[in-house]
């Protein structure tokens, strides 16, 4: 077994755990920056119209998938089965 760092009593490599902690710290910092930005303030509905039109356009211009593209499946996807 090869080791890249100092072994602790549980057998985990010290450098591996520190690099994992650094990665996690970077991810948390990225999330903090994302949510610390001020939110867009909307004063009236007219300000939303371009955004709504863009979203609607993405949905209405979407090309439906064929049965062959779906692998022979039809109907709704990701519907959870119930106990009924």
PDB file of N, CA and C in Angstrom:
ATOM      1  N   UNK A   1       0.843  -1.189   0.000  1.00  0.00           N
ATOM      2  CA  UNK A   1       0.000   0.000   0.000  1.00  0.00           C
ATOM      3  C   UNK A   1       0.880   1.241   0.000  1.00  0.00           C
ATOM      4  N   UNK A   2       0.560   2.177  -0.878  1.00  0.00           N
ATOM      5  CA  UNK A   2       1.330   3.408  -0.984  1.00  0.00           C
ATOM      6  C   UNK A   2       0.640   4.507  -0.208  1.00  0.00           C
ATOM      7  N   UNK A   3       1.432   5.377   0.387  1.00  0.00           N
ATOM      8  CA  UNK A   3       0.870   6.470   1.162  1.00  0.00           C
ATOM      9  C   UNK A   3       1.478   7.777   0.677  1.00  0.00           C
ATOM     10  N   UNK A   4       0.639   8.800   0.584  1.00  0.00           N
ATOM     11  CA  UNK A   4       1.136  10.102   0.148  1.00  0.00           C
ATOM     12  C   UNK A   4       1.301  11.066   1.303  1.00  0.00           C
ATOM     13  N   UNK A   5       0.962  10.632   2.490  1.00  0.00           N
ATOM     14  CA  UNK A   5       1.041  11.536   3.630  1.00  0.00           C
ATOM     15  C   UNK A   5       1.234  10.750   4.907  1.00  0.00           C
ATOM     16  N   UNK A   6       1.091  11.405   6.029  1.00  0.00           N
ATOM     17  CA  UNK A   6       1.252  10.795   7.330  1.00  0.00           C
ATOM     18  C   UNK A   6      -0.018  10.023   7.673  1.00  0.00           C
ATOM     19  N   UNK A   7       0.143   8.778   8.109  1.00  0.00           N
ATOM     20  CA  UNK A   7      -1.014   7.955   8.463  1.00  0.00           C
ATOM     21  C   UNK A   7      -1.501   8.312   9.870  1.00  0.00           C
ATOM     22  N   UNK A   8      -2.809   8.424  10.030  1.00  0.00           N
ATOM     23  CA  UNK A   8      -3.354   8.629  11.368  1.00  0.00           C
ATOM     24  C   UNK A   8      -3.825   7.273  11.906  1.00  0.00           C
ATOM     25  N   UNK A   9      -4.237   7.189  13.157  1.00  0.00           N
ATOM     26  CA  UNK A   9      -4.600   5.894  13.750  1.00  0.00           C
ATOM     27  C   UNK A   9      -5.705   5.148  13.003  1.00  0.00           C
ATOM     28  N   UNK A  10      -6.633   5.849  12.352  1.00  0.00           N
ATOM     29  CA  UNK A  10      -7.706   5.178  11.626  1.00  0.00           C
ATOM     30  C   UNK A  10      -7.252   4.687  10.261  1.00  0.00           C
ATOM     31  N   UNK A  11      -6.047   5.045   9.833  1.00  0.00           N
ATOM     32  CA  UNK A  11      -5.521   4.590   8.562  1.00  0.00           C
ATOM     33  C   UNK A  11      -5.789   5.530   7.401  1.00  0.00           C
ATOM     34  N   UNK A  12      -6.317   6.700   7.650  1.00  0.00           N
ATOM     35  CA  UNK A  12      -6.563   7.666   6.590  1.00  0.00           C
ATOM     36  C   UNK A  12      -5.323   8.502   6.367  1.00  0.00           C
ATOM     37  N   UNK A  13      -5.064   8.827   5.128  1.00  0.00           N
ATOM     38  CA  UNK A  13      -3.910   9.641   4.795  1.00  0.00           C
ATOM     39  C   UNK A  13      -4.192  11.092   5.173  1.00  0.00           C
ATOM     40  N   UNK A  14      -3.255  11.723   5.817  1.00  0.00           N
ATOM     41  CA  UNK A  14      -3.418  13.101   6.266  1.00  0.00           C
ATOM     42  C   UNK A  14      -3.549  14.044   5.066  1.00  0.00           C
ATOM     43  N   UNK A  15      -2.746  13.819   4.014  1.00  0.00           N
ATOM     44  CA  UNK A  15      -2.808  14.724   2.866  1.00  0.00           C
ATOM     45  C   UNK A  15      -4.111  14.556   2.097  1.00  0.00           C
ATOM     46  N   UNK A  16      -4.626  13.349   2.034  1.00  0.00           N
ATOM     47  CA  UNK A  16      -5.887  13.122   1.326  1.00  0.00           C
ATOM     48  C   UNK A  16      -7.031  13.820   2.038  1.00  0.00           C
ATOM     49  N   UNK A  17      -7.051  13.747   3.373  1.00  0.00           N
ATOM     50  CA  UNK A  17      -8.142  14.388   4.090  1.00  0.00           C
ATOM     51  C   UNK A  17      -8.022  15.908   4.025  1.00  0.00           C
ATOM     52  N   UNK A  18      -6.794  16.440   4.019  1.00  0.00           N
ATOM     53  CA  UNK A  18      -6.641  17.891   3.939  1.00  0.00           C
ATOM     54  C   UNK A  18      -7.020  18.407   2.558  1.00  0.00           C
ATOM     55  N   UNK A  19      -6.717  17.638   1.498  1.00  0.00           N
ATOM     56  CA  UNK A  19      -7.115  18.084   0.157  1.00  0.00           C
ATOM     57  C   UNK A  19      -8.632  18.011   0.013  1.00  0.00           C
ATOM     58  N   UNK A  20      -9.250  17.026   0.667  1.00  0.00           N
ATOM     59  CA  UNK A  20     -10.708  16.946   0.652  1.00  0.00           C
ATOM     60  C   UNK A  20     -11.332  18.110   1.394  1.00  0.00           C
ATOM     61  N   UNK A  21     -10.706  18.501   2.486  1.00  0.00           N
ATOM     62  CA  UNK A  21     -11.218  19.641   3.260  1.00  0.00           C
ATOM     63  C   UNK A  21     -11.055  20.934   2.456  1.00  0.00           C
ATOM     64  N   UNK A  22      -9.946  21.060   1.729  1.00  0.00           N
ATOM     65  CA  UNK A  22      -9.734  22.253   0.898  1.00  0.00           C
ATOM     66  C   UNK A  22     -10.796  22.329  -0.196  1.00  0.00           C
ATOM     67  N   UNK A  23     -11.076  21.167  -0.827  1.00  0.00           N
ATOM     68  CA  UNK A  23     -12.086  21.136  -1.879  1.00  0.00           C
ATOM     69  C   UNK A  23     -13.442  21.546  -1.316  1.00  0.00           C
ATOM     70  N   UNK A  24     -13.805  21.003  -0.147  1.00  0.00           N
ATOM     71  CA  UNK A  24     -15.090  21.331   0.483  1.00  0.00           C
ATOM     72  C   UNK A  24     -15.161  22.808   0.834  1.00  0.00           C
ATOM     73  N   UNK A  25     -14.059  23.367   1.351  1.00  0.00           N
ATOM     74  CA  UNK A  25     -14.014  24.792   1.705  1.00  0.00           C
ATOM     75  C   UNK A  25     -14.242  25.644   0.457  1.00  0.00           C
ATOM     76  N   UNK A  26     -13.611  25.266  -0.669  1.00  0.00           N
ATOM     77  CA  UNK A  26     -13.797  26.008  -1.921  1.00  0.00           C
ATOM     78  C   UNK A  26     -15.252  25.951  -2.374  1.00  0.00           C
ATOM     79  N   UNK A  27     -15.869  24.759  -2.266  1.00  0.00           N
ATOM     80  CA  UNK A  27     -17.268  24.618  -2.666  1.00  0.00           C
ATOM     81  C   UNK A  27     -18.183  25.483  -1.804  1.00  0.00           C
ATOM     82  N   UNK A  28     -17.944  25.491  -0.502  1.00  0.00           N
ATOM     83  CA  UNK A  28     -18.766  26.301   0.397  1.00  0.00           C
ATOM     84  C   UNK A  28     -18.567  27.789   0.142  1.00  0.00           C
ATOM     85  N   UNK A  29     -17.319  28.200  -0.123  1.00  0.00           N
ATOM     86  CA  UNK A  29     -17.054  29.606  -0.441  1.00  0.00           C
ATOM     87  C   UNK A  29     -17.775  30.013  -1.719  1.00  0.00           C
ATOM     88  N   UNK A  30     -17.778  29.112  -2.719  1.00  0.00           N
ATOM     89  CA  UNK A  30     -18.452  29.403  -3.981  1.00  0.00           C
ATOM     90  C   UNK A  30     -19.958  29.586  -3.759  1.00  0.00           C
ATOM     91  N   UNK A  31     -20.548  28.727  -2.932  1.00  0.00           N
ATOM     92  CA  UNK A  31     -21.974  28.860  -2.625  1.00  0.00           C
ATOM     93  C   UNK A  31     -22.270  30.151  -1.874  1.00  0.00           C
ATOM     94  N   UNK A  32     -21.397  30.492  -0.935  1.00  0.00           N
ATOM     95  CA  UNK A  32     -21.586  31.732  -0.174  1.00  0.00           C
ATOM     96  C   UNK A  32     -21.569  32.946  -1.090  1.00  0.00           C
ATOM     97  N   UNK A  33     -20.613  32.982  -2.018  1.00  0.00           N
ATOM     98  CA  UNK A  33     -20.529  34.105  -2.964  1.00  0.00           C
ATOM     99  C   UNK A  33     -21.792  34.176  -3.817  1.00  0.00           C
ATOM    100  N   UNK A  34     -22.285  33.014  -4.233  1.00  0.00           N
ATOM    101  CA  UNK A  34     -23.468  32.970  -5.094  1.00  0.00           C
ATOM    102  C   UNK A  34     -24.685  33.573  -4.402  1.00  0.00           C
ATOM    103  N   UNK A  35     -24.860  33.260  -3.112  1.00  0.00           N
ATOM    104  CA  UNK A  35     -26.046  33.715  -2.408  1.00  0.00           C
ATOM    105  C   UNK A  35     -25.858  35.039  -1.684  1.00  0.00           C
ATOM    106  N   UNK A  36     -24.647  35.568  -1.669  1.00  0.00           N
ATOM    107  CA  UNK A  36     -24.436  36.846  -1.010  1.00  0.00           C
ATOM    108  C   UNK A  36     -24.656  38.019  -1.948  1.00  0.00           C
ATOM    109  N   UNK A  37     -24.777  37.732  -3.261  1.00  0.00           N
ATOM    110  CA  UNK A  37     -25.040  38.797  -4.225  1.00  0.00           C
ATOM    111  C   UNK A  37     -26.448  39.336  -4.000  1.00  0.00           C
ATOM    112  N   UNK A  38     -26.626  40.645  -4.148  1.00  0.00           N
ATOM    113  CA  UNK A  38     -27.966  41.201  -3.917  1.00  0.00           C
ATOM    114  C   UNK A  38     -28.967  40.691  -4.957  1.00  0.00           C
ATOM    115  N   UNK A  39     -30.181  40.466  -4.512  1.00  0.00           N
ATOM    116  CA  UNK A  39     -31.242  39.984  -5.390  1.00  0.00           C
ATOM    117  C   UNK A  39     -31.724  41.127  -6.289  1.00  0.00           C
ATOM    118  N   UNK A  40     -32.245  40.749  -7.443  1.00  0.00           N
ATOM    119  CA  UNK A  40     -32.791  41.731  -8.370  1.00  0.00           C
ATOM    120  C   UNK A  40     -34.119  42.223  -7.826  1.00  0.00           C
ATOM    121  N   UNK A  41     -34.295  43.534  -7.780  1.00  0.00           N
ATOM    122  CA  UNK A  41     -35.539  44.112  -7.275  1.00  0.00           C
ATOM    123  C   UNK A  41     -36.439  44.426  -8.466  1.00  0.00           C
ATOM    124  N   UNK A  42     -37.647  43.890  -8.429  1.00  0.00           N
ATOM    125  CA  UNK A  42     -38.629  44.113  -9.491  1.00  0.00           C
ATOM    126  C   UNK A  42     -39.670  45.095  -8.972  1.00  0.00           C
ATOM    127  N   UNK A  43     -39.769  46.242  -9.648  1.00  0.00           N
ATOM    128  CA  UNK A  43     -40.722  47.264  -9.223  1.00  0.00           C
ATOM    129  C   UNK A  43     -42.094  47.075  -9.850  1.00  0.00           C
ATOM    130  N   UNK A  44     -42.137  46.598 -11.090  1.00  0.00           N
ATOM    131  CA  UNK A  44     -43.442  46.363 -11.708  1.00  0.00           C
ATOM    132  C   UNK A  44     -43.366  45.145 -12.626  1.00  0.00           C
ATOM    133  N   UNK A  45     -44.528  44.662 -13.028  1.00  0.00           N
ATOM    134  CA  UNK A  45     -44.603  43.443 -13.841  1.00  0.00           C
ATOM    135  C   UNK A  45     -43.975  43.614 -15.220  1.00  0.00           C
ATOM    136  N   UNK A  46     -43.942  44.827 -15.716  1.00  0.00           N
ATOM    137  CA  UNK A  46     -43.378  45.053 -17.047  1.00  0.00           C
ATOM    138  C   UNK A  46     -41.892  44.698 -17.092  1.00  0.00           C
ATOM    139  N   UNK A  47     -41.212  44.805 -15.965  1.00  0.00           N
ATOM    140  CA  UNK A  47     -39.793  44.450 -15.922  1.00  0.00           C
ATOM    141  C   UNK A  47     -39.583  42.946 -16.117  1.00  0.00           C
ATOM    142  N   UNK A  48     -40.611  42.159 -15.812  1.00  0.00           N
ATOM    143  CA  UNK A  48     -40.489  40.706 -15.918  1.00  0.00           C
ATOM    144  C   UNK A  48     -40.785  40.169 -17.312  1.00  0.00           C
ATOM    145  N   UNK A  49     -41.442  40.959 -18.146  1.00  0.00           N
ATOM    146  CA  UNK A  49     -41.886  40.458 -19.445  1.00  0.00           C
ATOM    147  C   UNK A  49     -40.764  39.849 -20.287  1.00  0.00           C
ATOM    148  N   UNK A  50     -39.597  40.471 -20.427  1.00  0.00           N
ATOM    149  CA  UNK A  50     -38.541  39.847 -21.242  1.00  0.00           C
ATOM    150  C   UNK A  50     -38.102  38.485 -20.689  1.00  0.00           C
ATOM    151  N   UNK A  51     -38.005  38.386 -19.366  1.00  0.00           N
ATOM    152  CA  UNK A  51     -37.612  37.122 -18.753  1.00  0.00           C
ATOM    153  C   UNK A  51     -38.650  36.033 -19.027  1.00  0.00           C
ATOM    154  N   UNK A  52     -39.934  36.383 -18.854  1.00  0.00           N
ATOM    155  CA  UNK A  52     -41.002  35.417 -19.082  1.00  0.00           C
ATOM    156  C   UNK A  52     -41.032  34.980 -20.539  1.00  0.00           C
ATOM    157  N   UNK A  53     -40.865  35.910 -21.454  1.00  0.00           N
ATOM    158  CA  UNK A  53     -40.890  35.573 -22.884  1.00  0.00           C
ATOM    159  C   UNK A  53     -39.737  34.632 -23.229  1.00  0.00           C
ATOM    160  N   UNK A  54     -38.581  34.865 -22.648  1.00  0.00           N
ATOM    161  CA  UNK A  54     -37.428  34.003 -22.898  1.00  0.00           C
ATOM    162  C   UNK A  54     -37.693  32.581 -22.386  1.00  0.00           C
ATOM    163  N   UNK A  55     -38.240  32.473 -21.171  1.00  0.00           N
ATOM    164  CA  UNK A  55     -38.538  31.151 -20.609  1.00  0.00           C
ATOM    165  C   UNK A  55     -39.609  30.437 -21.432  1.00  0.00           C
ATOM    166  N   UNK A  56     -40.638  31.173 -21.812  1.00  0.00           N
ATOM    167  CA  UNK A  56     -41.713  30.582 -22.597  1.00  0.00           C
ATOM    168  C   UNK A  56     -41.187  30.106 -23.949  1.00  0.00           C
ATOM    169  N   UNK A  57     -40.312  30.890 -24.541  1.00  0.00           N
ATOM    170  CA  UNK A  57     -39.731  30.522 -25.826  1.00  0.00           C
ATOM    171  C   UNK A  57     -38.935  29.233 -25.751  1.00  0.00           C
ATOM    172  N   UNK A  58     -38.212  29.041 -24.661  1.00  0.00           N
ATOM    173  CA  UNK A  58     -37.437  27.803 -24.510  1.00  0.00           C
ATOM    174  C   UNK A  58     -38.356  26.588 -24.465  1.00  0.00           C
ATOM    175  N   UNK A  59     -39.525  26.745 -23.851  1.00  0.00           N
ATOM    176  CA  UNK A  59     -40.455  25.622 -23.721  1.00  0.00           C
ATOM    177  C   UNK A  59     -41.204  25.391 -25.032  1.00  0.00           C
ATOM    178  N   UNK A  60     -41.704  26.450 -25.650  1.00  0.00           N
ATOM    179  CA  UNK A  60     -42.532  26.273 -26.846  1.00  0.00           C
ATOM    180  C   UNK A  60     -41.708  25.890 -28.069  1.00  0.00           C
ATOM    181  N   UNK A  61     -40.445  26.257 -28.120  1.00  0.00           N
ATOM    182  CA  UNK A  61     -39.596  25.886 -29.260  1.00  0.00           C
ATOM    183  C   UNK A  61     -38.951  24.515 -29.095  1.00  0.00           C
ATOM    184  N   UNK A  62     -39.158  23.876 -27.947  1.00  0.00           N
ATOM    185  CA  UNK A  62     -38.554  22.577 -27.690  1.00  0.00           C
ATOM    186  C   UNK A  62     -39.144  21.536 -28.628  1.00  0.00           C
ATOM    187  N   UNK A  63     -38.276  20.774 -29.301  1.00  0.00           N
ATOM    188  CA  UNK A  63     -38.722  19.738 -30.219  1.00  0.00           C
ATOM    189  C   UNK A  63     -39.078  18.485 -29.429  1.00  0.00           C
ATOM    190  N   UNK A  64     -40.282  17.935 -29.639  1.00  0.00           N
ATOM    191  CA  UNK A  64     -40.645  16.731 -28.906  1.00  0.00           C
ATOM    192  C   UNK A  64     -39.778  15.548 -29.351  1.00  0.00           C
ATOM    193  N   UNK A  65     -39.458  14.687 -28.409  1.00  0.00           N
ATOM    194  CA  UNK A  65     -38.643  13.516 -28.714  1.00  0.00           C
ATOM    195  C   UNK A  65     -39.509  12.416 -29.283  1.00  0.00           C
ATOM    196  N   UNK A  66     -38.924  11.658 -30.207  1.00  0.00           N
ATOM    197  CA  UNK A  66     -39.670  10.563 -30.817  1.00  0.00           C
ATOM    198  C   UNK A  66     -39.620   9.331 -29.918  1.00  0.00           C
ATOM    199  N   UNK A  67     -40.461   8.345 -30.228  1.00  0.00           N
ATOM    200  CA  UNK A  67     -40.480   7.102 -29.462  1.00  0.00           C
ATOM    201  C   UNK A  67     -39.122   6.413 -29.567  1.00  0.00           C
ATOM    202  N   UNK A  68     -38.504   6.473 -30.744  1.00  0.00           N
ATOM    203  CA  UNK A  68     -37.192   5.850 -30.936  1.00  0.00           C
ATOM    204  C   UNK A  68     -36.140   6.527 -30.053  1.00  0.00           C
ATOM    205  N   UNK A  69     -36.188   7.853 -29.939  1.00  0.00           N
ATOM    206  CA  UNK A  69     -35.233   8.583 -29.101  1.00  0.00           C
ATOM    207  C   UNK A  69     -35.429   8.259 -27.622  1.00  0.00           C
ATOM    208  N   UNK A  70     -36.661   7.952 -27.239  1.00  0.00           N
ATOM    209  CA  UNK A  70     -36.956   7.623 -25.847  1.00  0.00           C
ATOM    210  C   UNK A  70     -36.713   6.155 -25.531  1.00  0.00           C
ATOM    211  N   UNK A  71     -36.225   5.410 -26.489  1.00  0.00           N
ATOM    212  CA  UNK A  71     -35.977   3.993 -26.251  1.00  0.00           C
ATOM    213  C   UNK A  71     -37.256   3.181 -26.194  1.00  0.00           C
ATOM    214  N   UNK A  72     -38.271   3.601 -26.923  1.00  0.00           N
ATOM    215  CA  UNK A  72     -39.531   2.871 -26.955  1.00  0.00           C
ATOM    216  C   UNK A  72     -40.499   3.243 -25.850  1.00  0.00           C
ATOM    217  N   UNK A  73     -40.080   4.104 -24.941  1.00  0.00           N
ATOM    218  CA  UNK A  73     -40.954   4.489 -23.833  1.00  0.00           C
ATOM    219  C   UNK A  73     -41.844   5.648 -24.261  1.00  0.00           C
ATOM    220  N   UNK A  74     -43.085   5.628 -23.763  1.00  0.00           N
ATOM    221  CA  UNK A  74     -43.995   6.738 -24.018  1.00  0.00           C
ATOM    222  C   UNK A  74     -44.585   7.179 -22.695  1.00  0.00           C
ATOM    223  N   UNK A  75     -45.137   8.359 -22.675  1.00  0.00           N
ATOM    224  CA  UNK A  75     -45.783   8.856 -21.462  1.00  0.00           C
ATOM    225  C   UNK A  75     -44.836   9.652 -20.591  1.00  0.00           C
ATOM    226  N   UNK A  76     -45.298   9.921 -19.374  1.00  0.00           N
ATOM    227  CA  UNK A  76     -44.529  10.747 -18.449  1.00  0.00           C
ATOM    228  C   UNK A  76     -43.357   9.974 -17.883  1.00  0.00           C
ATOM    229  N   UNK A  77     -42.286  10.704 -17.603  1.00  0.00           N
ATOM    230  CA  UNK A  77     -41.094  10.100 -17.011  1.00  0.00           C
ATOM    231  C   UNK A  77     -40.941  10.598 -15.573  1.00  0.00           C
ATOM    232  N   UNK A  78     -40.183   9.853 -14.794  1.00  0.00           N
ATOM    233  CA  UNK A  78     -39.877  10.203 -13.413  1.00  0.00           C
ATOM    234  C   UNK A  78     -41.114  10.313 -12.528  1.00  0.00           C
ATOM    235  N   UNK A  79     -42.122   9.497 -12.813  1.00  0.00           N
ATOM    236  CA  UNK A  79     -43.325   9.476 -11.987  1.00  0.00           C
ATOM    237  C   UNK A  79     -43.139   8.358 -10.975  1.00  0.00           C
ATOM    238  N   UNK A  80     -43.215   8.683  -9.688  1.00  0.00           N
ATOM    239  CA  UNK A  80     -43.020   7.688  -8.644  1.00  0.00           C
ATOM    240  C   UNK A  80     -44.244   6.786  -8.541  1.00  0.00           C
ATOM    241  N   UNK A  81     -43.981   5.506  -8.386  1.00  0.00           N
ATOM    242  CA  UNK A  81     -45.090   4.562  -8.200  1.00  0.00           C
ATOM    243  C   UNK A  81     -45.583   4.678  -6.772  1.00  0.00           C
ATOM    244  N   UNK A  82     -46.902   4.574  -6.614  1.00  0.00           N
ATOM    245  CA  UNK A  82     -47.501   4.661  -5.288  1.00  0.00           C
ATOM    246  C   UNK A  82     -47.875   3.270  -4.809  1.00  0.00           C
ATOM    247  N   UNK A  83     -48.280   3.151  -3.551  1.00  0.00           N
ATOM    248  CA  UNK A  83     -48.676   1.867  -2.982  1.00  0.00           C
ATOM    249  C   UNK A  83     -50.117   1.507  -3.301  1.00  0.00           C
ATOM    250  N   UNK A  84     -50.816   2.386  -4.014  1.00  0.00           N
ATOM    251  CA  UNK A  84     -52.236   2.142  -4.308  1.00  0.00           C
ATOM    252  C   UNK A  84     -52.438   0.983  -5.246  1.00  0.00           C
TER     253      UNK A  84
END
